[in-house]
Amino acid sequence: TVKRHLIVVPERAEKEIGFTLWLR
């Protein structure tokens, strides 16, 4: 029943190895 998922992403999150894993 959730309409939107609001994803709060910290600064430099793309620098961590798990970035693409949780994005997937």
PDBML (XML) file of the C-alpha atoms, coordinates in Angstrom:
<?xml version="1.0" encoding="UTF-8" ?>
<PDBx:datablock datablockName="MODEL"
   xmlns:PDBx="http://pdbml.pdb.org/schema/pdbx-v50.xsd"
   xmlns:xsi="http://www.w3.org/2001/XMLSchema-instance"
   xsi:schemaLocation="http://pdbml.pdb.org/schema/pdbx-v50.xsd pdbx-v50.xsd">
   <PDBx:atom_siteCategory>
      <PDBx:atom_site id="1">
         <PDBx:B_iso_or_equiv>0.00</PDBx:B_iso_or_equiv>
         <PDBx:Cartn_x>0.000</PDBx:Cartn_x>
         <PDBx:Cartn_y>0.000</PDBx:Cartn_y>
         <PDBx:Cartn_z>0.000</PDBx:Cartn_z>
         <PDBx:auth_asym_id>A</PDBx:auth_asym_id>
         <PDBx:auth_atom_id>CA</PDBx:auth_atom_id>
         <PDBx:auth_comp_id>THR</PDBx:auth_comp_id>
         <PDBx:auth_seq_id>1</PDBx:auth_seq_id>
         <PDBx:group_PDB>ATOM</PDBx:group_PDB>
         <PDBx:label_alt_id xsi:nil="true" />
         <PDBx:label_asym_id>A</PDBx:label_asym_id>
         <PDBx:label_atom_id>CA</PDBx:label_atom_id>
         <PDBx:label_comp_id>THR</PDBx:label_comp_id>
         <PDBx:label_entity_id>1</PDBx:label_entity_id>
         <PDBx:label_seq_id>1</PDBx:label_seq_id>
         <PDBx:occupancy>1.00</PDBx:occupancy>
         <PDBx:pdbx_PDB_model_num>1</PDBx:pdbx_PDB_model_num>
         <PDBx:type_symbol>C</PDBx:type_symbol>
      </PDBx:atom_site>
      <PDBx:atom_site id="2">
         <PDBx:B_iso_or_equiv>0.00</PDBx:B_iso_or_equiv>
         <PDBx:Cartn_x>3.061</PDBx:Cartn_x>
         <PDBx:Cartn_y>2.293</PDBx:Cartn_y>
         <PDBx:Cartn_z>-0.043</PDBx:Cartn_z>
         <PDBx:auth_asym_id>A</PDBx:auth_asym_id>
         <PDBx:auth_atom_id>CA</PDBx:auth_atom_id>
         <PDBx:auth_comp_id>VAL</PDBx:auth_comp_id>
         <PDBx:auth_seq_id>2</PDBx:auth_seq_id>
         <PDBx:group_PDB>ATOM</PDBx:group_PDB>
         <PDBx:label_alt_id xsi:nil="true" />
         <PDBx:label_asym_id>A</PDBx:label_asym_id>
         <PDBx:label_atom_id>CA</PDBx:label_atom_id>
         <PDBx:label_comp_id>VAL</PDBx:label_comp_id>
         <PDBx:label_entity_id>1</PDBx:label_entity_id>
         <PDBx:label_seq_id>2</PDBx:label_seq_id>
         <PDBx:occupancy>1.00</PDBx:occupancy>
         <PDBx:pdbx_PDB_model_num>1</PDBx:pdbx_PDB_model_num>
         <PDBx:type_symbol>C</PDBx:type_symbol>
      </PDBx:atom_site>
      <PDBx:atom_site id="3">
         <PDBx:B_iso_or_equiv>0.00</PDBx:B_iso_or_equiv>
         <PDBx:Cartn_x>2.816</PDBx:Cartn_x>
         <PDBx:Cartn_y>4.927</PDBx:Cartn_y>
         <PDBx:Cartn_z>-2.793</PDBx:Cartn_z>
         <PDBx:auth_asym_id>A</PDBx:auth_asym_id>
         <PDBx:auth_atom_id>CA</PDBx:auth_atom_id>
         <PDBx:auth_comp_id>LYS</PDBx:auth_comp_id>
         <PDBx:auth_seq_id>3</PDBx:auth_seq_id>
         <PDBx:group_PDB>ATOM</PDBx:group_PDB>
         <PDBx:label_alt_id xsi:nil="true" />
         <PDBx:label_asym_id>A</PDBx:label_asym_id>
         <PDBx:label_atom_id>CA</PDBx:label_atom_id>
         <PDBx:label_comp_id>LYS</PDBx:label_comp_id>
         <PDBx:label_entity_id>1</PDBx:label_entity_id>
         <PDBx:label_seq_id>3</PDBx:label_seq_id>
         <PDBx:occupancy>1.00</PDBx:occupancy>
         <PDBx:pdbx_PDB_model_num>1</PDBx:pdbx_PDB_model_num>
         <PDBx:type_symbol>C</PDBx:type_symbol>
      </PDBx:atom_site>
      <PDBx:atom_site id="4">
         <PDBx:B_iso_or_equiv>0.00</PDBx:B_iso_or_equiv>
         <PDBx:Cartn_x>6.296</PDBx:Cartn_x>
         <PDBx:Cartn_y>6.453</PDBx:Cartn_y>
         <PDBx:Cartn_z>-2.522</PDBx:Cartn_z>
         <PDBx:auth_asym_id>A</PDBx:auth_asym_id>
         <PDBx:auth_atom_id>CA</PDBx:auth_atom_id>
         <PDBx:auth_comp_id>ARG</PDBx:auth_comp_id>
         <PDBx:auth_seq_id>4</PDBx:auth_seq_id>
         <PDBx:group_PDB>ATOM</PDBx:group_PDB>
         <PDBx:label_alt_id xsi:nil="true" />
         <PDBx:label_asym_id>A</PDBx:label_asym_id>
         <PDBx:label_atom_id>CA</PDBx:label_atom_id>
         <PDBx:label_comp_id>ARG</PDBx:label_comp_id>
         <PDBx:label_entity_id>1</PDBx:label_entity_id>
         <PDBx:label_seq_id>4</PDBx:label_seq_id>
         <PDBx:occupancy>1.00</PDBx:occupancy>
         <PDBx:pdbx_PDB_model_num>1</PDBx:pdbx_PDB_model_num>
         <PDBx:type_symbol>C</PDBx:type_symbol>
      </PDBx:atom_site>
      <PDBx:atom_site id="5">
         <PDBx:B_iso_or_equiv>0.00</PDBx:B_iso_or_equiv>
         <PDBx:Cartn_x>9.659</PDBx:Cartn_x>
         <PDBx:Cartn_y>5.387</PDBx:Cartn_y>
         <PDBx:Cartn_z>-1.130</PDBx:Cartn_z>
         <PDBx:auth_asym_id>A</PDBx:auth_asym_id>
         <PDBx:auth_atom_id>CA</PDBx:auth_atom_id>
         <PDBx:auth_comp_id>HIS</PDBx:auth_comp_id>
         <PDBx:auth_seq_id>5</PDBx:auth_seq_id>
         <PDBx:group_PDB>ATOM</PDBx:group_PDB>
         <PDBx:label_alt_id xsi:nil="true" />
         <PDBx:label_asym_id>A</PDBx:label_asym_id>
         <PDBx:label_atom_id>CA</PDBx:label_atom_id>
         <PDBx:label_comp_id>HIS</PDBx:label_comp_id>
         <PDBx:label_entity_id>1</PDBx:label_entity_id>
         <PDBx:label_seq_id>5</PDBx:label_seq_id>
         <PDBx:occupancy>1.00</PDBx:occupancy>
         <PDBx:pdbx_PDB_model_num>1</PDBx:pdbx_PDB_model_num>
         <PDBx:type_symbol>C</PDBx:type_symbol>
      </PDBx:atom_site>
      <PDBx:atom_site id="6">
         <PDBx:B_iso_or_equiv>0.00</PDBx:B_iso_or_equiv>
         <PDBx:Cartn_x>11.657</PDBx:Cartn_x>
         <PDBx:Cartn_y>8.384</PDBx:Cartn_y>
         <PDBx:Cartn_z>0.098</PDBx:Cartn_z>
         <PDBx:auth_asym_id>A</PDBx:auth_asym_id>
         <PDBx:auth_atom_id>CA</PDBx:auth_atom_id>
         <PDBx:auth_comp_id>LEU</PDBx:auth_comp_id>
         <PDBx:auth_seq_id>6</PDBx:auth_seq_id>
         <PDBx:group_PDB>ATOM</PDBx:group_PDB>
         <PDBx:label_alt_id xsi:nil="true" />
         <PDBx:label_asym_id>A</PDBx:label_asym_id>
         <PDBx:label_atom_id>CA</PDBx:label_atom_id>
         <PDBx:label_comp_id>LEU</PDBx:label_comp_id>
         <PDBx:label_entity_id>1</PDBx:label_entity_id>
         <PDBx:label_seq_id>6</PDBx:label_seq_id>
         <PDBx:occupancy>1.00</PDBx:occupancy>
         <PDBx:pdbx_PDB_model_num>1</PDBx:pdbx_PDB_model_num>
         <PDBx:type_symbol>C</PDBx:type_symbol>
      </PDBx:atom_site>
      <PDBx:atom_site id="7">
         <PDBx:B_iso_or_equiv>0.00</PDBx:B_iso_or_equiv>
         <PDBx:Cartn_x>15.361</PDBx:Cartn_x>
         <PDBx:Cartn_y>7.472</PDBx:Cartn_y>
         <PDBx:Cartn_z>0.032</PDBx:Cartn_z>
         <PDBx:auth_asym_id>A</PDBx:auth_asym_id>
         <PDBx:auth_atom_id>CA</PDBx:auth_atom_id>
         <PDBx:auth_comp_id>ILE</PDBx:auth_comp_id>
         <PDBx:auth_seq_id>7</PDBx:auth_seq_id>
         <PDBx:group_PDB>ATOM</PDBx:group_PDB>
         <PDBx:label_alt_id xsi:nil="true" />
         <PDBx:label_asym_id>A</PDBx:label_asym_id>
         <PDBx:label_atom_id>CA</PDBx:label_atom_id>
         <PDBx:label_comp_id>ILE</PDBx:label_comp_id>
         <PDBx:label_entity_id>1</PDBx:label_entity_id>
         <PDBx:label_seq_id>7</PDBx:label_seq_id>
         <PDBx:occupancy>1.00</PDBx:occupancy>
         <PDBx:pdbx_PDB_model_num>1</PDBx:pdbx_PDB_model_num>
         <PDBx:type_symbol>C</PDBx:type_symbol>
      </PDBx:atom_site>
      <PDBx:atom_site id="8">
         <PDBx:B_iso_or_equiv>0.00</PDBx:B_iso_or_equiv>
         <PDBx:Cartn_x>17.635</PDBx:Cartn_x>
         <PDBx:Cartn_y>9.733</PDBx:Cartn_y>
         <PDBx:Cartn_z>2.104</PDBx:Cartn_z>
         <PDBx:auth_asym_id>A</PDBx:auth_asym_id>
         <PDBx:auth_atom_id>CA</PDBx:auth_atom_id>
         <PDBx:auth_comp_id>VAL</PDBx:auth_comp_id>
         <PDBx:auth_seq_id>8</PDBx:auth_seq_id>
         <PDBx:group_PDB>ATOM</PDBx:group_PDB>
         <PDBx:label_alt_id xsi:nil="true" />
         <PDBx:label_asym_id>A</PDBx:label_asym_id>
         <PDBx:label_atom_id>CA</PDBx:label_atom_id>
         <PDBx:label_comp_id>VAL</PDBx:label_comp_id>
         <PDBx:label_entity_id>1</PDBx:label_entity_id>
         <PDBx:label_seq_id>8</PDBx:label_seq_id>
         <PDBx:occupancy>1.00</PDBx:occupancy>
         <PDBx:pdbx_PDB_model_num>1</PDBx:pdbx_PDB_model_num>
         <PDBx:type_symbol>C</PDBx:type_symbol>
      </PDBx:atom_site>
      <PDBx:atom_site id="9">
         <PDBx:B_iso_or_equiv>0.00</PDBx:B_iso_or_equiv>
         <PDBx:Cartn_x>21.172</PDBx:Cartn_x>
         <PDBx:Cartn_y>9.280</PDBx:Cartn_y>
         <PDBx:Cartn_z>0.777</PDBx:Cartn_z>
         <PDBx:auth_asym_id>A</PDBx:auth_asym_id>
         <PDBx:auth_atom_id>CA</PDBx:auth_atom_id>
         <PDBx:auth_comp_id>VAL</PDBx:auth_comp_id>
         <PDBx:auth_seq_id>9</PDBx:auth_seq_id>
         <PDBx:group_PDB>ATOM</PDBx:group_PDB>
         <PDBx:label_alt_id xsi:nil="true" />
         <PDBx:label_asym_id>A</PDBx:label_asym_id>
         <PDBx:label_atom_id>CA</PDBx:label_atom_id>
         <PDBx:label_comp_id>VAL</PDBx:label_comp_id>
         <PDBx:label_entity_id>1</PDBx:label_entity_id>
         <PDBx:label_seq_id>9</PDBx:label_seq_id>
         <PDBx:occupancy>1.00</PDBx:occupancy>
         <PDBx:pdbx_PDB_model_num>1</PDBx:pdbx_PDB_model_num>
         <PDBx:type_symbol>C</PDBx:type_symbol>
      </PDBx:atom_site>
      <PDBx:atom_site id="10">
         <PDBx:B_iso_or_equiv>0.00</PDBx:B_iso_or_equiv>
         <PDBx:Cartn_x>24.202</PDBx:Cartn_x>
         <PDBx:Cartn_y>10.696</PDBx:Cartn_y>
         <PDBx:Cartn_z>2.636</PDBx:Cartn_z>
         <PDBx:auth_asym_id>A</PDBx:auth_asym_id>
         <PDBx:auth_atom_id>CA</PDBx:auth_atom_id>
         <PDBx:auth_comp_id>PRO</PDBx:auth_comp_id>
         <PDBx:auth_seq_id>10</PDBx:auth_seq_id>
         <PDBx:group_PDB>ATOM</PDBx:group_PDB>
         <PDBx:label_alt_id xsi:nil="true" />
         <PDBx:label_asym_id>A</PDBx:label_asym_id>
         <PDBx:label_atom_id>CA</PDBx:label_atom_id>
         <PDBx:label_comp_id>PRO</PDBx:label_comp_id>
         <PDBx:label_entity_id>1</PDBx:label_entity_id>
         <PDBx:label_seq_id>10</PDBx:label_seq_id>
         <PDBx:occupancy>1.00</PDBx:occupancy>
         <PDBx:pdbx_PDB_model_num>1</PDBx:pdbx_PDB_model_num>
         <PDBx:type_symbol>C</PDBx:type_symbol>
      </PDBx:atom_site>
      <PDBx:atom_site id="11">
         <PDBx:B_iso_or_equiv>0.00</PDBx:B_iso_or_equiv>
         <PDBx:Cartn_x>27.000</PDBx:Cartn_x>
         <PDBx:Cartn_y>12.691</PDBx:Cartn_y>
         <PDBx:Cartn_z>1.064</PDBx:Cartn_z>
         <PDBx:auth_asym_id>A</PDBx:auth_asym_id>
         <PDBx:auth_atom_id>CA</PDBx:auth_atom_id>
         <PDBx:auth_comp_id>GLU</PDBx:auth_comp_id>
         <PDBx:auth_seq_id>11</PDBx:auth_seq_id>
         <PDBx:group_PDB>ATOM</PDBx:group_PDB>
         <PDBx:label_alt_id xsi:nil="true" />
         <PDBx:label_asym_id>A</PDBx:label_asym_id>
         <PDBx:label_atom_id>CA</PDBx:label_atom_id>
         <PDBx:label_comp_id>GLU</PDBx:label_comp_id>
         <PDBx:label_entity_id>1</PDBx:label_entity_id>
         <PDBx:label_seq_id>11</PDBx:label_seq_id>
         <PDBx:occupancy>1.00</PDBx:occupancy>
         <PDBx:pdbx_PDB_model_num>1</PDBx:pdbx_PDB_model_num>
         <PDBx:type_symbol>C</PDBx:type_symbol>
      </PDBx:atom_site>
      <PDBx:atom_site id="12">
         <PDBx:B_iso_or_equiv>0.00</PDBx:B_iso_or_equiv>
         <PDBx:Cartn_x>29.704</PDBx:Cartn_x>
         <PDBx:Cartn_y>10.529</PDBx:Cartn_y>
         <PDBx:Cartn_z>-0.594</PDBx:Cartn_z>
         <PDBx:auth_asym_id>A</PDBx:auth_asym_id>
         <PDBx:auth_atom_id>CA</PDBx:auth_atom_id>
         <PDBx:auth_comp_id>ARG</PDBx:auth_comp_id>
         <PDBx:auth_seq_id>12</PDBx:auth_seq_id>
         <PDBx:group_PDB>ATOM</PDBx:group_PDB>
         <PDBx:label_alt_id xsi:nil="true" />
         <PDBx:label_asym_id>A</PDBx:label_asym_id>
         <PDBx:label_atom_id>CA</PDBx:label_atom_id>
         <PDBx:label_comp_id>ARG</PDBx:label_comp_id>
         <PDBx:label_entity_id>1</PDBx:label_entity_id>
         <PDBx:label_seq_id>12</PDBx:label_seq_id>
         <PDBx:occupancy>1.00</PDBx:occupancy>
         <PDBx:pdbx_PDB_model_num>1</PDBx:pdbx_PDB_model_num>
         <PDBx:type_symbol>C</PDBx:type_symbol>
      </PDBx:atom_site>
      <PDBx:atom_site id="13">
         <PDBx:B_iso_or_equiv>0.00</PDBx:B_iso_or_equiv>
         <PDBx:Cartn_x>27.486</PDBx:Cartn_x>
         <PDBx:Cartn_y>7.435</PDBx:Cartn_y>
         <PDBx:Cartn_z>-0.464</PDBx:Cartn_z>
         <PDBx:auth_asym_id>A</PDBx:auth_asym_id>
         <PDBx:auth_atom_id>CA</PDBx:auth_atom_id>
         <PDBx:auth_comp_id>ALA</PDBx:auth_comp_id>
         <PDBx:auth_seq_id>13</PDBx:auth_seq_id>
         <PDBx:group_PDB>ATOM</PDBx:group_PDB>
         <PDBx:label_alt_id xsi:nil="true" />
         <PDBx:label_asym_id>A</PDBx:label_asym_id>
         <PDBx:label_atom_id>CA</PDBx:label_atom_id>
         <PDBx:label_comp_id>ALA</PDBx:label_comp_id>
         <PDBx:label_entity_id>1</PDBx:label_entity_id>
         <PDBx:label_seq_id>13</PDBx:label_seq_id>
         <PDBx:occupancy>1.00</PDBx:occupancy>
         <PDBx:pdbx_PDB_model_num>1</PDBx:pdbx_PDB_model_num>
         <PDBx:type_symbol>C</PDBx:type_symbol>
      </PDBx:atom_site>
      <PDBx:atom_site id="14">
         <PDBx:B_iso_or_equiv>0.00</PDBx:B_iso_or_equiv>
         <PDBx:Cartn_x>28.643</PDBx:Cartn_x>
         <PDBx:Cartn_y>6.617</PDBx:Cartn_y>
         <PDBx:Cartn_z>-3.997</PDBx:Cartn_z>
         <PDBx:auth_asym_id>A</PDBx:auth_asym_id>
         <PDBx:auth_atom_id>CA</PDBx:auth_atom_id>
         <PDBx:auth_comp_id>GLU</PDBx:auth_comp_id>
         <PDBx:auth_seq_id>14</PDBx:auth_seq_id>
         <PDBx:group_PDB>ATOM</PDBx:group_PDB>
         <PDBx:label_alt_id xsi:nil="true" />
         <PDBx:label_asym_id>A</PDBx:label_asym_id>
         <PDBx:label_atom_id>CA</PDBx:label_atom_id>
         <PDBx:label_comp_id>GLU</PDBx:label_comp_id>
         <PDBx:label_entity_id>1</PDBx:label_entity_id>
         <PDBx:label_seq_id>14</PDBx:label_seq_id>
         <PDBx:occupancy>1.00</PDBx:occupancy>
         <PDBx:pdbx_PDB_model_num>1</PDBx:pdbx_PDB_model_num>
         <PDBx:type_symbol>C</PDBx:type_symbol>
      </PDBx:atom_site>
      <PDBx:atom_site id="15">
         <PDBx:B_iso_or_equiv>0.00</PDBx:B_iso_or_equiv>
         <PDBx:Cartn_x>32.175</PDBx:Cartn_x>
         <PDBx:Cartn_y>6.172</PDBx:Cartn_y>
         <PDBx:Cartn_z>-2.640</PDBx:Cartn_z>
         <PDBx:auth_asym_id>A</PDBx:auth_asym_id>
         <PDBx:auth_atom_id>CA</PDBx:auth_atom_id>
         <PDBx:auth_comp_id>LYS</PDBx:auth_comp_id>
         <PDBx:auth_seq_id>15</PDBx:auth_seq_id>
         <PDBx:group_PDB>ATOM</PDBx:group_PDB>
         <PDBx:label_alt_id xsi:nil="true" />
         <PDBx:label_asym_id>A</PDBx:label_asym_id>
         <PDBx:label_atom_id>CA</PDBx:label_atom_id>
         <PDBx:label_comp_id>LYS</PDBx:label_comp_id>
         <PDBx:label_entity_id>1</PDBx:label_entity_id>
         <PDBx:label_seq_id>15</PDBx:label_seq_id>
         <PDBx:occupancy>1.00</PDBx:occupancy>
         <PDBx:pdbx_PDB_model_num>1</PDBx:pdbx_PDB_model_num>
         <PDBx:type_symbol>C</PDBx:type_symbol>
      </PDBx:atom_site>
      <PDBx:atom_site id="16">
         <PDBx:B_iso_or_equiv>0.00</PDBx:B_iso_or_equiv>
         <PDBx:Cartn_x>31.282</PDBx:Cartn_x>
         <PDBx:Cartn_y>3.056</PDBx:Cartn_y>
         <PDBx:Cartn_z>-0.661</PDBx:Cartn_z>
         <PDBx:auth_asym_id>A</PDBx:auth_asym_id>
         <PDBx:auth_atom_id>CA</PDBx:auth_atom_id>
         <PDBx:auth_comp_id>GLU</PDBx:auth_comp_id>
         <PDBx:auth_seq_id>16</PDBx:auth_seq_id>
         <PDBx:group_PDB>ATOM</PDBx:group_PDB>
         <PDBx:label_alt_id xsi:nil="true" />
         <PDBx:label_asym_id>A</PDBx:label_asym_id>
         <PDBx:label_atom_id>CA</PDBx:label_atom_id>
         <PDBx:label_comp_id>GLU</PDBx:label_comp_id>
         <PDBx:label_entity_id>1</PDBx:label_entity_id>
         <PDBx:label_seq_id>16</PDBx:label_seq_id>
         <PDBx:occupancy>1.00</PDBx:occupancy>
         <PDBx:pdbx_PDB_model_num>1</PDBx:pdbx_PDB_model_num>
         <PDBx:type_symbol>C</PDBx:type_symbol>
      </PDBx:atom_site>
      <PDBx:atom_site id="17">
         <PDBx:B_iso_or_equiv>0.00</PDBx:B_iso_or_equiv>
         <PDBx:Cartn_x>31.430</PDBx:Cartn_x>
         <PDBx:Cartn_y>-0.470</PDBx:Cartn_y>
         <PDBx:Cartn_z>-2.029</PDBx:Cartn_z>
         <PDBx:auth_asym_id>A</PDBx:auth_asym_id>
         <PDBx:auth_atom_id>CA</PDBx:auth_atom_id>
         <PDBx:auth_comp_id>ILE</PDBx:auth_comp_id>
         <PDBx:auth_seq_id>17</PDBx:auth_seq_id>
         <PDBx:group_PDB>ATOM</PDBx:group_PDB>
         <PDBx:label_alt_id xsi:nil="true" />
         <PDBx:label_asym_id>A</PDBx:label_asym_id>
         <PDBx:label_atom_id>CA</PDBx:label_atom_id>
         <PDBx:label_comp_id>ILE</PDBx:label_comp_id>
         <PDBx:label_entity_id>1</PDBx:label_entity_id>
         <PDBx:label_seq_id>17</PDBx:label_seq_id>
         <PDBx:occupancy>1.00</PDBx:occupancy>
         <PDBx:pdbx_PDB_model_num>1</PDBx:pdbx_PDB_model_num>
         <PDBx:type_symbol>C</PDBx:type_symbol>
      </PDBx:atom_site>
      <PDBx:atom_site id="18">
         <PDBx:B_iso_or_equiv>0.00</PDBx:B_iso_or_equiv>
         <PDBx:Cartn_x>27.843</PDBx:Cartn_x>
         <PDBx:Cartn_y>-1.258</PDBx:Cartn_y>
         <PDBx:Cartn_z>-1.076</PDBx:Cartn_z>
         <PDBx:auth_asym_id>A</PDBx:auth_asym_id>
         <PDBx:auth_atom_id>CA</PDBx:auth_atom_id>
         <PDBx:auth_comp_id>GLY</PDBx:auth_comp_id>
         <PDBx:auth_seq_id>18</PDBx:auth_seq_id>
         <PDBx:group_PDB>ATOM</PDBx:group_PDB>
         <PDBx:label_alt_id xsi:nil="true" />
         <PDBx:label_asym_id>A</PDBx:label_asym_id>
         <PDBx:label_atom_id>CA</PDBx:label_atom_id>
         <PDBx:label_comp_id>GLY</PDBx:label_comp_id>
         <PDBx:label_entity_id>1</PDBx:label_entity_id>
         <PDBx:label_seq_id>18</PDBx:label_seq_id>
         <PDBx:occupancy>1.00</PDBx:occupancy>
         <PDBx:pdbx_PDB_model_num>1</PDBx:pdbx_PDB_model_num>
         <PDBx:type_symbol>C</PDBx:type_symbol>
      </PDBx:atom_site>
      <PDBx:atom_site id="19">
         <PDBx:B_iso_or_equiv>0.00</PDBx:B_iso_or_equiv>
         <PDBx:Cartn_x>26.376</PDBx:Cartn_x>
         <PDBx:Cartn_y>1.633</PDBx:Cartn_y>
         <PDBx:Cartn_z>-3.097</PDBx:Cartn_z>
         <PDBx:auth_asym_id>A</PDBx:auth_asym_id>
         <PDBx:auth_atom_id>CA</PDBx:auth_atom_id>
         <PDBx:auth_comp_id>PHE</PDBx:auth_comp_id>
         <PDBx:auth_seq_id>19</PDBx:auth_seq_id>
         <PDBx:group_PDB>ATOM</PDBx:group_PDB>
         <PDBx:label_alt_id xsi:nil="true" />
         <PDBx:label_asym_id>A</PDBx:label_asym_id>
         <PDBx:label_atom_id>CA</PDBx:label_atom_id>
         <PDBx:label_comp_id>PHE</PDBx:label_comp_id>
         <PDBx:label_entity_id>1</PDBx:label_entity_id>
         <PDBx:label_seq_id>19</PDBx:label_seq_id>
         <PDBx:occupancy>1.00</PDBx:occupancy>
         <PDBx:pdbx_PDB_model_num>1</PDBx:pdbx_PDB_model_num>
         <PDBx:type_symbol>C</PDBx:type_symbol>
      </PDBx:atom_site>
      <PDBx:atom_site id="20">
         <PDBx:B_iso_or_equiv>0.00</PDBx:B_iso_or_equiv>
         <PDBx:Cartn_x>25.409</PDBx:Cartn_x>
         <PDBx:Cartn_y>-0.359</PDBx:Cartn_y>
         <PDBx:Cartn_z>-6.189</PDBx:Cartn_z>
         <PDBx:auth_asym_id>A</PDBx:auth_asym_id>
         <PDBx:auth_atom_id>CA</PDBx:auth_atom_id>
         <PDBx:auth_comp_id>THR</PDBx:auth_comp_id>
         <PDBx:auth_seq_id>20</PDBx:auth_seq_id>
         <PDBx:group_PDB>ATOM</PDBx:group_PDB>
         <PDBx:label_alt_id xsi:nil="true" />
         <PDBx:label_asym_id>A</PDBx:label_asym_id>
         <PDBx:label_atom_id>CA</PDBx:label_atom_id>
         <PDBx:label_comp_id>THR</PDBx:label_comp_id>
         <PDBx:label_entity_id>1</PDBx:label_entity_id>
         <PDBx:label_seq_id>20</PDBx:label_seq_id>
         <PDBx:occupancy>1.00</PDBx:occupancy>
         <PDBx:pdbx_PDB_model_num>1</PDBx:pdbx_PDB_model_num>
         <PDBx:type_symbol>C</PDBx:type_symbol>
      </PDBx:atom_site>
      <PDBx:atom_site id="21">
         <PDBx:B_iso_or_equiv>0.00</PDBx:B_iso_or_equiv>
         <PDBx:Cartn_x>24.367</PDBx:Cartn_x>
         <PDBx:Cartn_y>-3.348</PDBx:Cartn_y>
         <PDBx:Cartn_z>-4.087</PDBx:Cartn_z>
         <PDBx:auth_asym_id>A</PDBx:auth_asym_id>
         <PDBx:auth_atom_id>CA</PDBx:auth_atom_id>
         <PDBx:auth_comp_id>LEU</PDBx:auth_comp_id>
         <PDBx:auth_seq_id>21</PDBx:auth_seq_id>
         <PDBx:group_PDB>ATOM</PDBx:group_PDB>
         <PDBx:label_alt_id xsi:nil="true" />
         <PDBx:label_asym_id>A</PDBx:label_asym_id>
         <PDBx:label_atom_id>CA</PDBx:label_atom_id>
         <PDBx:label_comp_id>LEU</PDBx:label_comp_id>
         <PDBx:label_entity_id>1</PDBx:label_entity_id>
         <PDBx:label_seq_id>21</PDBx:label_seq_id>
         <PDBx:occupancy>1.00</PDBx:occupancy>
         <PDBx:pdbx_PDB_model_num>1</PDBx:pdbx_PDB_model_num>
         <PDBx:type_symbol>C</PDBx:type_symbol>
      </PDBx:atom_site>
      <PDBx:atom_site id="22">
         <PDBx:B_iso_or_equiv>0.00</PDBx:B_iso_or_equiv>
         <PDBx:Cartn_x>21.584</PDBx:Cartn_x>
         <PDBx:Cartn_y>-1.553</PDBx:Cartn_y>
         <PDBx:Cartn_z>-2.198</PDBx:Cartn_z>
         <PDBx:auth_asym_id>A</PDBx:auth_asym_id>
         <PDBx:auth_atom_id>CA</PDBx:auth_atom_id>
         <PDBx:auth_comp_id>TRP</PDBx:auth_comp_id>
         <PDBx:auth_seq_id>22</PDBx:auth_seq_id>
         <PDBx:group_PDB>ATOM</PDBx:group_PDB>
         <PDBx:label_alt_id xsi:nil="true" />
         <PDBx:label_asym_id>A</PDBx:label_asym_id>
         <PDBx:label_atom_id>CA</PDBx:label_atom_id>
         <PDBx:label_comp_id>TRP</PDBx:label_comp_id>
         <PDBx:label_entity_id>1</PDBx:label_entity_id>
         <PDBx:label_seq_id>22</PDBx:label_seq_id>
         <PDBx:occupancy>1.00</PDBx:occupancy>
         <PDBx:pdbx_PDB_model_num>1</PDBx:pdbx_PDB_model_num>
         <PDBx:type_symbol>C</PDBx:type_symbol>
      </PDBx:atom_site>
      <PDBx:atom_site id="23">
         <PDBx:B_iso_or_equiv>0.00</PDBx:B_iso_or_equiv>
         <PDBx:Cartn_x>20.642</PDBx:Cartn_x>
         <PDBx:Cartn_y>0.350</PDBx:Cartn_y>
         <PDBx:Cartn_z>-5.352</PDBx:Cartn_z>
         <PDBx:auth_asym_id>A</PDBx:auth_asym_id>
         <PDBx:auth_atom_id>CA</PDBx:auth_atom_id>
         <PDBx:auth_comp_id>LEU</PDBx:auth_comp_id>
         <PDBx:auth_seq_id>23</PDBx:auth_seq_id>
         <PDBx:group_PDB>ATOM</PDBx:group_PDB>
         <PDBx:label_alt_id xsi:nil="true" />
         <PDBx:label_asym_id>A</PDBx:label_asym_id>
         <PDBx:label_atom_id>CA</PDBx:label_atom_id>
         <PDBx:label_comp_id>LEU</PDBx:label_comp_id>
         <PDBx:label_entity_id>1</PDBx:label_entity_id>
         <PDBx:label_seq_id>23</PDBx:label_seq_id>
         <PDBx:occupancy>1.00</PDBx:occupancy>
         <PDBx:pdbx_PDB_model_num>1</PDBx:pdbx_PDB_model_num>
         <PDBx:type_symbol>C</PDBx:type_symbol>
      </PDBx:atom_site>
      <PDBx:atom_site id="24">
         <PDBx:B_iso_or_equiv>0.00</PDBx:B_iso_or_equiv>
         <PDBx:Cartn_x>20.087</PDBx:Cartn_x>
         <PDBx:Cartn_y>-2.992</PDBx:Cartn_y>
         <PDBx:Cartn_z>-7.072</PDBx:Cartn_z>
         <PDBx:auth_asym_id>A</PDBx:auth_asym_id>
         <PDBx:auth_atom_id>CA</PDBx:auth_atom_id>
         <PDBx:auth_comp_id>ARG</PDBx:auth_comp_id>
         <PDBx:auth_seq_id>24</PDBx:auth_seq_id>
         <PDBx:group_PDB>ATOM</PDBx:group_PDB>
         <PDBx:label_alt_id xsi:nil="true" />
         <PDBx:label_asym_id>A</PDBx:label_asym_id>
         <PDBx:label_atom_id>CA</PDBx:label_atom_id>
         <PDBx:label_comp_id>ARG</PDBx:label_comp_id>
         <PDBx:label_entity_id>1</PDBx:label_entity_id>
         <PDBx:label_seq_id>24</PDBx:label_seq_id>
         <PDBx:occupancy>1.00</PDBx:occupancy>
         <PDBx:pdbx_PDB_model_num>1</PDBx:pdbx_PDB_model_num>
         <PDBx:type_symbol>C</PDBx:type_symbol>
      </PDBx:atom_site>
   </PDBx:atom_siteCategory>
</PDBx:datablock>
